[in-house]
């Protein structure tokens, strides 16, 4: 293949750990290149996360070469040609060049090859079909560089065929459009997505959750989400996830507050359902128990929280919730749902209240009442509740002595 461009050396490319892996492969005559997301993001000037490498050497040969160089080698997916090289704290996935023999969803039956173009042809998107040598020579067999320059997310080859190979690619298209796309999406891709959308229920909840969570982490997920609704994609996946204007409002507020995106909070924002519906979504997406409970609480809050409340009322809400994270989420959603513009300073003050939770601990306990001479029984708990209500009304200021005095007063 012809070299199409060059990437200036970057720290992740020149790191001693990276060079050690390439040197180990080269020692055995194995040609190797960076592939996929690391090349894409390096070209765009984005932070590179995972470093993937491809080589024409068979996986068993890769294992031998790594071990000969004293590099840890894990047969992560050796049947599919993937080995993980471990150099110190750095991990590199090394995959033998492949071509698909038969496709059936997530995994295909593959044969190894020494043809770089053939391997690139099995990638989902043109921007993911790039490869790059250690010295920065970029190979672009399907026009991924031009597509990235235009903000165009495009499938390699026939979009329908790519999606048929793995229906998850339908969701990946929208996820990548949210992160990398500009302007109108590729028409052929949209047509294929609309046609193949009825197959989405065949995907596992875990895989769907992963893609949607990554989509929701985009700087502007609402437009891509709205596009999925208009194409009928969401009708086959999460028919209640339709509140895109609300999602857009949350994203803008998070940006103004420098608040990091959170997938569960954004999921809750876009859902138009009740607690039972949220629990059904959690089941569909195979959420953890903690995320399930959080999604349900955000969809149907246990109590109202308003950023415009005064400090005393805010602390009372925080104490009753007993969860600083949930309190912060409810503050953000309440600000989004406010009928008029909400002053950022008020929202910031409400969010800062969450830091008070560790200090909001009732000073008195049942053992203190027993030490006063109260007999064991339900009356202890009842009195404790009364003192707690008084302590809350006093803005959590009374200490142990004051609480004991109040308990004594109520005992008569």
Protein backbone atom coordinates (compact mmCIF):
# COMPACT_ATOMS: atom_id res chain seq x y z
CA UNK A 1 0.00 0.00 0.00
CA UNK A 2 1.01 3.60 -0.60
CA UNK A 3 1.91 5.91 2.29
CA UNK A 4 -0.86 8.53 2.41
CA UNK A 5 0.36 10.83 5.18
CA UNK A 6 2.71 11.14 8.12
CA UNK A 7 2.19 11.64 11.84
CA UNK A 8 4.91 13.46 13.76
CA UNK A 9 6.42 11.27 16.51
CA UNK A 10 4.33 11.37 19.66
CA UNK A 11 5.21 10.31 23.22
CA UNK A 12 3.10 7.14 23.07
CA UNK A 13 4.89 6.14 19.84
CA UNK A 14 8.41 6.84 21.10
CA UNK A 15 7.95 5.47 24.62
CA UNK A 16 10.59 2.85 25.56
CA UNK A 17 7.82 0.32 26.22
CA UNK A 18 6.38 0.80 22.74
CA UNK A 19 9.76 0.52 21.09
CA UNK A 20 10.51 -2.63 23.07
CA UNK A 21 7.42 -4.32 21.60
CA UNK A 22 8.23 -3.25 18.03
CA UNK A 23 11.87 -4.27 18.46
CA UNK A 24 10.79 -7.70 19.70
CA UNK A 25 8.60 -8.24 16.64
CA UNK A 26 11.19 -6.84 14.23
CA UNK A 27 13.83 -9.20 15.65
CA UNK A 28 11.81 -12.06 14.20
CA UNK A 29 11.13 -10.33 10.90
CA UNK A 30 7.54 -9.45 11.80
CA UNK A 31 6.18 -6.32 10.12
CA UNK A 32 4.06 -4.33 12.59
CA UNK A 33 1.96 -1.16 12.59
CA UNK A 34 -0.29 0.77 14.91
CA UNK A 35 -3.93 0.34 13.91
CA UNK A 36 -7.40 1.63 14.71
CA UNK A 37 -8.29 4.20 17.31
CA UNK A 38 -4.78 5.22 18.33
CA UNK A 39 -3.98 6.24 14.74
CA UNK A 40 -7.33 7.99 14.32
CA UNK A 41 -7.03 10.01 17.53
CA UNK A 42 -3.36 10.81 16.99
CA UNK A 43 -4.20 12.24 13.57
CA UNK A 44 -6.98 14.35 15.09
CA UNK A 45 -4.78 15.55 17.93
CA UNK A 46 -6.87 13.80 20.55
CA UNK A 47 -5.62 11.89 23.56
CA UNK A 48 -4.62 8.33 22.67
CA UNK A 49 -5.90 5.75 25.13
CA UNK A 50 -5.45 2.15 24.01
CA UNK A 51 -2.58 1.23 21.70
CA UNK A 52 -3.41 -1.54 19.24
CA UNK A 53 -0.82 -3.13 16.98
CA UNK A 54 -1.26 -5.42 13.97
CA UNK A 55 1.30 -7.75 12.43
CA UNK A 56 1.44 -10.41 9.73
CA UNK A 57 3.11 -12.85 12.18
CA UNK A 58 0.86 -15.64 13.50
CA UNK A 59 -0.17 -15.29 17.17
CA UNK A 60 1.97 -18.21 18.33
CA UNK A 61 4.99 -16.58 16.68
CA UNK A 62 4.14 -13.28 18.36
CA UNK A 63 4.05 -15.05 21.74
CA UNK A 64 7.48 -16.58 21.11
CA UNK A 65 9.03 -13.29 19.99
CA UNK A 66 7.70 -11.39 22.99
CA UNK A 67 8.88 -14.01 25.45
CA UNK A 68 12.31 -14.14 23.80
CA UNK A 69 12.60 -10.40 24.45
CA UNK A 70 11.55 -10.78 28.07
CA UNK A 71 8.14 -9.20 27.46
CA UNK A 72 5.03 -10.58 29.13
CA UNK A 73 2.62 -12.20 26.67
CA UNK A 74 -1.00 -13.02 27.49
CA UNK A 75 -3.06 -15.11 25.01
CA UNK A 76 -6.05 -12.78 25.42
CA UNK A 77 -7.87 -14.00 22.31
CA UNK A 78 -5.33 -16.20 20.62
CA UNK A 79 -8.00 -18.11 18.69
CA UNK A 80 -8.87 -14.81 17.00
CA UNK A 81 -5.23 -13.79 16.66
CA UNK A 82 -4.93 -11.41 19.62
CA UNK A 83 -2.09 -11.34 22.15
CA UNK A 84 -1.59 -8.78 24.93
CA UNK A 85 1.99 -7.63 25.45
CA UNK A 86 2.81 -6.34 28.94
CA UNK A 87 5.81 -4.05 29.44
CA UNK A 88 5.85 -2.65 32.95
CA UNK A 89 2.46 -0.98 33.39
CA UNK A 90 1.88 -0.62 29.65
CA UNK A 91 -0.39 -3.03 27.77
CA UNK A 92 -0.49 -3.48 23.99
CA UNK A 93 -2.98 -5.60 22.07
CA UNK A 94 -1.24 -7.25 19.13
CA UNK A 95 -3.45 -8.89 16.52
CA UNK A 96 -2.46 -10.92 13.49
CA UNK A 97 -3.79 -9.61 10.17
CA UNK A 98 -7.09 -11.33 9.38
CA UNK A 99 -9.76 -11.76 6.80
CA UNK A 100 -13.31 -12.86 7.55
CA UNK A 101 -14.35 -16.28 6.33
CA UNK A 102 -17.77 -16.26 7.97
CA UNK A 103 -19.51 -13.61 10.07
CA UNK A 104 -22.14 -14.26 12.72
CA UNK A 105 -22.45 -11.31 15.05
CA UNK A 106 -19.79 -10.24 17.48
CA UNK A 107 -17.18 -12.79 16.44
CA UNK A 108 -16.34 -13.93 12.94
CA UNK A 109 -14.56 -17.04 11.75
CA UNK A 110 -11.28 -15.68 10.46
CA UNK A 111 -8.20 -16.74 8.58
CA UNK A 112 -4.85 -15.09 9.07
CA UNK A 113 -3.34 -13.17 6.16
CA UNK A 114 -0.34 -11.03 5.30
CA UNK A 115 -2.44 -8.53 3.33
CA UNK A 116 -2.80 -5.20 5.14
CA UNK A 117 -5.60 -3.97 2.88
CA UNK A 118 -7.57 -7.18 3.40
CA UNK A 119 -7.32 -6.70 7.16
CA UNK A 120 -8.35 -3.04 6.90
CA UNK A 121 -11.36 -4.01 4.77
CA UNK A 122 -12.93 -5.85 7.71
CA UNK A 123 -12.97 -2.72 9.89
CA UNK A 124 -16.27 -0.98 10.53
CA UNK A 125 -15.51 2.66 9.66
CA UNK A 126 -13.02 4.30 7.32
CA UNK A 127 -11.49 6.33 10.16
CA UNK A 128 -10.82 3.07 12.00
CA UNK A 129 -9.16 1.40 8.99
CA UNK A 130 -5.95 3.43 9.25
CA UNK A 131 -2.55 1.96 10.08
CA UNK A 132 0.71 3.65 10.96
CA UNK A 133 4.33 2.56 11.21
CA UNK A 134 6.53 3.28 14.21
CA UNK A 135 8.11 6.21 12.36
CA UNK A 136 4.72 7.79 11.53
CA UNK A 137 3.89 6.65 7.98
CA UNK A 138 0.08 6.49 7.72
CA UNK A 139 -1.71 4.09 5.37
CA UNK A 140 -5.30 4.96 4.48
CA UNK A 141 -6.82 2.44 2.04
CA UNK A 142 -10.44 3.65 2.27
CA UNK A 143 -10.33 7.44 2.54
CA UNK A 144 -10.52 7.75 6.31
CA UNK A 145 -8.29 10.83 6.42
CA UNK A 146 -10.55 12.75 4.04
CA UNK A 147 -13.61 11.61 5.95
CA UNK A 148 -12.15 12.85 9.23
CA UNK A 149 -11.23 16.18 7.66
CA UNK A 150 -14.85 16.54 6.52
CA UNK A 151 -16.31 15.35 9.83
CA UNK A 152 -17.88 12.45 7.96
CA UNK A 153 -18.42 9.07 9.62
CA UNK A 154 -18.56 6.45 6.88
CA UNK A 155 -18.62 2.67 6.80
CA UNK A 156 -15.95 0.72 4.96
CA UNK A 157 -17.68 -0.60 1.84
CA UNK A 158 -21.40 -1.43 1.91
CA UNK A 159 -22.99 -0.12 5.15
CA UNK A 160 -25.65 -2.82 5.20
CA UNK A 161 -23.07 -5.58 4.91
CA UNK A 162 -20.96 -4.05 7.68
CA UNK A 163 -23.99 -3.93 9.99
CA UNK A 164 -25.09 -7.44 9.03
CA UNK A 165 -21.69 -8.69 10.16
CA UNK A 166 -22.35 -7.24 13.62
CA UNK A 167 -25.53 -5.29 14.42
CA UNK A 168 -23.68 -3.40 17.15
CA UNK A 169 -22.03 -1.42 14.37
CA UNK A 170 -25.35 0.35 13.89
CA UNK A 171 -25.00 1.89 17.35
CA UNK A 172 -21.29 2.47 16.84
CA UNK A 173 -22.12 4.61 13.81
CA UNK A 174 -24.19 6.99 15.94
CA UNK A 175 -21.64 6.94 18.74
CA UNK A 176 -18.85 7.89 16.35
CA UNK A 177 -21.03 10.53 14.71
CA UNK A 178 -21.60 12.06 18.16
CA UNK A 179 -17.85 12.15 18.86
CA UNK A 180 -16.36 12.79 15.41
CA UNK A 181 -19.12 13.85 13.02
CA UNK A 182 -20.00 17.28 11.71
CA UNK A 183 -22.87 18.29 9.48
CA UNK A 184 -25.26 15.86 7.84
CA UNK A 185 -24.53 12.16 8.45
CA UNK A 186 -23.71 9.82 5.57
CA UNK A 187 -26.99 9.10 3.73
CA UNK A 188 -26.11 5.51 2.81
CA UNK A 189 -25.24 4.76 6.42
CA UNK A 190 -28.52 6.23 7.68
CA UNK A 191 -30.53 4.17 5.21
CA UNK A 192 -28.76 0.99 6.29
CA UNK A 193 -29.24 1.82 9.98
CA UNK A 194 -32.97 2.40 9.51
CA UNK A 195 -33.31 -0.86 7.60
CA UNK A 196 -31.34 -2.92 10.12
CA UNK A 197 -32.76 -1.35 13.30
CA UNK A 198 -35.31 -4.18 13.89
CA UNK A 199 -32.33 -6.46 14.59
CA UNK A 200 -31.14 -4.43 17.57
CA UNK A 201 -33.06 -6.52 20.14
CA UNK A 202 -30.79 -9.46 19.27
CA UNK A 203 -27.85 -7.69 20.93
CA UNK A 204 -26.93 -8.37 24.54
CA UNK A 205 -27.82 -5.68 27.06
CA UNK A 206 -24.19 -5.34 28.09
CA UNK A 207 -23.04 -4.48 24.56
CA UNK A 208 -25.89 -2.02 24.02
CA UNK A 209 -25.16 -0.36 27.36
CA UNK A 210 -21.50 0.04 26.46
CA UNK A 211 -22.22 1.78 23.16
CA UNK A 212 -24.97 4.03 24.49
CA UNK A 213 -22.86 5.01 27.51
CA UNK A 214 -20.01 6.01 25.21
CA UNK A 215 -22.41 7.93 22.98
CA UNK A 216 -23.81 9.78 25.99
CA UNK A 217 -20.28 10.79 26.99
CA UNK A 218 -19.93 12.82 23.78
CA UNK A 219 -19.74 16.63 23.98
CA UNK A 220 -23.10 16.85 22.15
CA UNK A 221 -24.95 13.53 22.44
CA UNK A 222 -28.45 14.97 22.05
CA UNK A 223 -28.29 15.53 18.29
CA UNK A 224 -27.14 11.96 17.59
CA UNK A 225 -29.73 10.61 20.04
CA UNK A 226 -32.46 12.66 18.37
CA UNK A 227 -31.36 11.31 14.99
CA UNK A 228 -31.78 7.75 16.29
CA UNK A 229 -35.29 8.61 17.43
CA UNK A 230 -36.26 10.17 14.09
CA UNK A 231 -34.90 7.18 12.16
CA UNK A 232 -36.90 4.77 14.31
CA UNK A 233 -33.80 3.19 15.83
CA UNK A 234 -34.78 3.92 19.43
CA UNK A 235 -38.23 2.42 18.90
CA UNK A 236 -36.51 -0.98 18.71
CA UNK A 237 -34.20 -0.34 21.63
CA UNK A 238 -35.41 2.09 24.30
CA UNK A 239 -38.76 3.53 23.18
CA UNK A 240 -39.06 5.69 26.32
CA UNK A 241 -35.68 7.40 25.79
CA UNK A 242 -37.11 10.39 23.94
CA UNK A 243 -36.45 13.52 26.04
CA UNK A 244 -33.59 14.84 23.96
CA UNK A 245 -34.28 18.51 24.73
CA UNK A 246 -33.87 17.70 28.42
CA UNK A 247 -30.65 15.82 27.68
CA UNK A 248 -29.37 18.80 25.74
CA UNK A 249 -30.19 21.07 28.68
CA UNK A 250 -28.27 18.84 31.08
CA UNK A 251 -25.25 18.68 28.79
CA UNK A 252 -25.16 22.47 28.51
CA UNK A 253 -25.48 22.86 32.28
CA UNK A 254 -22.72 20.33 32.91
CA UNK A 255 -20.51 22.26 30.50
CA UNK A 256 -21.21 25.59 32.23
CA UNK A 257 -20.45 24.05 35.63
CA UNK A 258 -17.43 22.06 34.42
CA UNK A 259 -19.27 18.96 35.67
CA UNK A 260 -17.98 15.68 34.19
CA UNK A 261 -20.51 13.69 32.14
CA UNK A 262 -22.16 10.75 33.81
CA UNK A 263 -23.87 7.99 31.80
CA UNK A 264 -26.52 7.02 34.37
CA UNK A 265 -27.50 10.64 35.01
CA UNK A 266 -27.77 11.27 31.27
CA UNK A 267 -29.76 8.06 30.78
CA UNK A 268 -32.18 9.19 33.47
CA UNK A 269 -32.50 12.62 31.88
CA UNK A 270 -33.54 11.27 28.50
CA UNK A 271 -36.08 8.73 29.84
CA UNK A 272 -39.79 9.59 29.81
CA UNK A 273 -41.05 6.95 32.21
CA UNK A 274 -41.70 6.14 35.86
CA UNK A 275 -39.77 4.05 38.38
CA UNK A 276 -41.13 0.78 36.99
CA UNK A 277 -40.11 1.80 33.48
CA UNK A 278 -36.63 2.76 34.69
CA UNK A 279 -36.23 -0.63 36.34
CA UNK A 280 -37.23 -2.28 33.05
CA UNK A 281 -34.59 -0.23 31.21
CA UNK A 282 -32.02 -1.23 33.82
CA UNK A 283 -32.90 -4.87 33.21
CA UNK A 284 -32.63 -4.43 29.44
CA UNK A 285 -29.21 -2.81 29.74
CA UNK A 286 -28.03 -5.20 32.47
CA UNK A 287 -27.10 -2.37 34.80
CA UNK A 288 -25.40 -3.12 38.10
CA UNK A 289 -27.64 -3.09 41.17
CA UNK A 290 -26.20 0.27 42.23
CA UNK A 291 -26.78 1.85 38.80
CA UNK A 292 -30.26 0.31 38.62
CA UNK A 293 -31.26 1.87 41.95
CA UNK A 294 -29.73 5.19 40.97
CA UNK A 295 -31.52 5.27 37.61
CA UNK A 296 -34.83 4.53 39.33
CA UNK A 297 -34.24 7.24 41.95
CA UNK A 298 -33.41 9.83 39.30
CA UNK A 299 -36.39 8.89 37.15
CA UNK A 300 -38.82 9.11 40.06
CA UNK A 301 -37.04 11.09 42.80
CA UNK A 302 -37.80 10.18 46.42
CA UNK A 303 -38.13 13.89 47.23
CA UNK A 304 -38.01 17.29 45.57
CA UNK A 305 -34.73 19.19 45.56
CA UNK A 306 -34.55 22.76 44.29
CA UNK A 307 -31.34 24.75 43.74
CA UNK A 308 -33.28 27.88 44.70
CA UNK A 309 -33.88 26.56 48.24
CA UNK A 310 -32.09 28.26 51.10
CA UNK A 311 -29.13 26.62 52.85
CA UNK A 312 -31.21 25.16 55.70
CA UNK A 313 -33.71 23.49 53.39
CA UNK A 314 -30.87 22.21 51.19
CA UNK A 315 -29.11 20.61 54.14
CA UNK A 316 -32.37 19.03 55.24
CA UNK A 317 -32.87 17.50 51.80
CA UNK A 318 -29.28 16.25 51.76
CA UNK A 319 -29.65 14.65 55.18
CA UNK A 320 -32.92 12.92 54.33
CA UNK A 321 -31.48 11.53 51.11
CA UNK A 322 -28.32 10.41 52.89
CA UNK A 323 -26.48 10.23 49.56
CA UNK A 324 -24.35 13.16 48.39
CA UNK A 325 -24.11 11.83 44.83
CA UNK A 326 -27.88 11.42 44.49
CA UNK A 327 -28.41 14.88 45.98
CA UNK A 328 -26.04 16.43 43.41
CA UNK A 329 -27.78 14.59 40.57
CA UNK A 330 -31.19 15.81 41.71
CA UNK A 331 -29.92 19.38 41.97
CA UNK A 332 -28.70 19.23 38.37
CA UNK A 333 -31.94 17.71 37.07
CA UNK A 334 -34.01 20.25 39.00
CA UNK A 335 -31.98 23.06 37.45
CA UNK A 336 -32.58 21.62 33.99
CA UNK A 337 -36.32 21.32 34.66
CA UNK A 338 -36.67 24.81 36.18
CA UNK A 339 -39.37 26.82 34.35
CA UNK A 340 -37.08 29.81 33.87
CA UNK A 341 -33.36 30.56 33.70
CA UNK A 342 -31.51 29.32 36.76
CA UNK A 343 -28.60 31.38 38.09
CA UNK A 344 -25.40 29.34 37.96
CA UNK A 345 -24.33 30.68 41.35
CA UNK A 346 -27.47 29.21 42.92
CA UNK A 347 -26.79 25.82 41.32
CA UNK A 348 -23.15 25.93 42.44
CA UNK A 349 -24.19 26.76 46.00
CA UNK A 350 -26.67 23.89 46.02
CA UNK A 351 -24.07 21.46 44.68
CA UNK A 352 -21.56 22.61 47.29
CA UNK A 353 -24.05 21.68 50.02
CA UNK A 354 -23.29 18.02 49.25
CA UNK A 355 -19.94 18.49 50.99
CA UNK A 356 -21.80 18.98 54.30
CA UNK A 357 -23.07 15.39 54.47
CA UNK A 358 -20.18 13.95 56.56
CA UNK A 359 -20.93 16.50 59.30
CA UNK A 360 -24.68 15.79 59.35
CA UNK A 361 -24.58 12.98 61.90
CA UNK A 362 -27.16 12.85 64.70
CA UNK A 363 -25.10 13.22 67.90
CA UNK A 364 -27.41 11.12 70.06
CA UNK A 365 -28.09 7.38 69.78
CA UNK A 366 -30.31 4.81 71.44
CA UNK A 367 -27.56 3.84 73.88
CA UNK A 368 -27.52 7.42 75.18
CA UNK A 369 -31.23 7.22 75.96
CA UNK A 370 -30.75 3.88 77.71
CA UNK A 371 -27.95 5.45 79.77
CA UNK A 372 -30.49 8.08 80.88
CA UNK A 373 -32.54 5.29 82.39
CA UNK A 374 -35.08 4.64 79.63
CA UNK A 375 -36.20 0.99 79.51
CA UNK A 376 -35.55 -0.92 76.31
CA UNK A 377 -38.47 -0.97 73.91
CA UNK A 378 -40.19 0.87 71.05
CA UNK A 379 -40.30 4.08 73.08
CA UNK A 380 -36.54 4.48 72.65
CA UNK A 381 -36.81 4.61 68.87
CA UNK A 382 -39.85 6.89 69.03
CA UNK A 383 -38.05 9.40 71.26
CA UNK A 384 -34.96 9.24 69.09
CA UNK A 385 -37.11 10.18 66.08
CA UNK A 386 -38.55 13.16 67.97
CA UNK A 387 -35.11 14.42 68.97
CA UNK A 388 -33.87 13.93 65.42
CA UNK A 389 -36.76 16.02 64.05
CA UNK A 390 -35.94 18.78 66.56
CA UNK A 391 -32.21 18.59 65.68
CA UNK A 392 -33.02 18.91 61.96
CA UNK A 393 -35.31 21.88 62.62
CA UNK A 394 -32.42 23.49 64.52
CA UNK A 395 -30.29 23.20 61.36
CA UNK A 396 -28.21 20.32 62.73
CA UNK A 397 -26.42 22.65 65.18
CA UNK A 398 -27.18 21.08 68.59
CA UNK A 399 -24.48 18.78 69.95
CA UNK A 400 -24.78 15.75 72.20
CA UNK A 401 -25.42 17.68 75.42
CA UNK A 402 -28.19 19.75 73.84
CA UNK A 403 -29.77 16.62 72.33
CA UNK A 404 -29.66 14.86 75.70
CA UNK A 405 -31.29 17.88 77.32
CA UNK A 406 -34.02 17.89 74.66
CA UNK A 407 -34.59 14.17 75.20
CA UNK A 408 -34.86 14.76 78.95
CA UNK A 409 -37.32 17.57 78.42
CA UNK A 410 -39.51 15.36 76.25
CA UNK A 411 -39.37 12.57 78.80
CA UNK A 412 -40.66 15.03 81.36
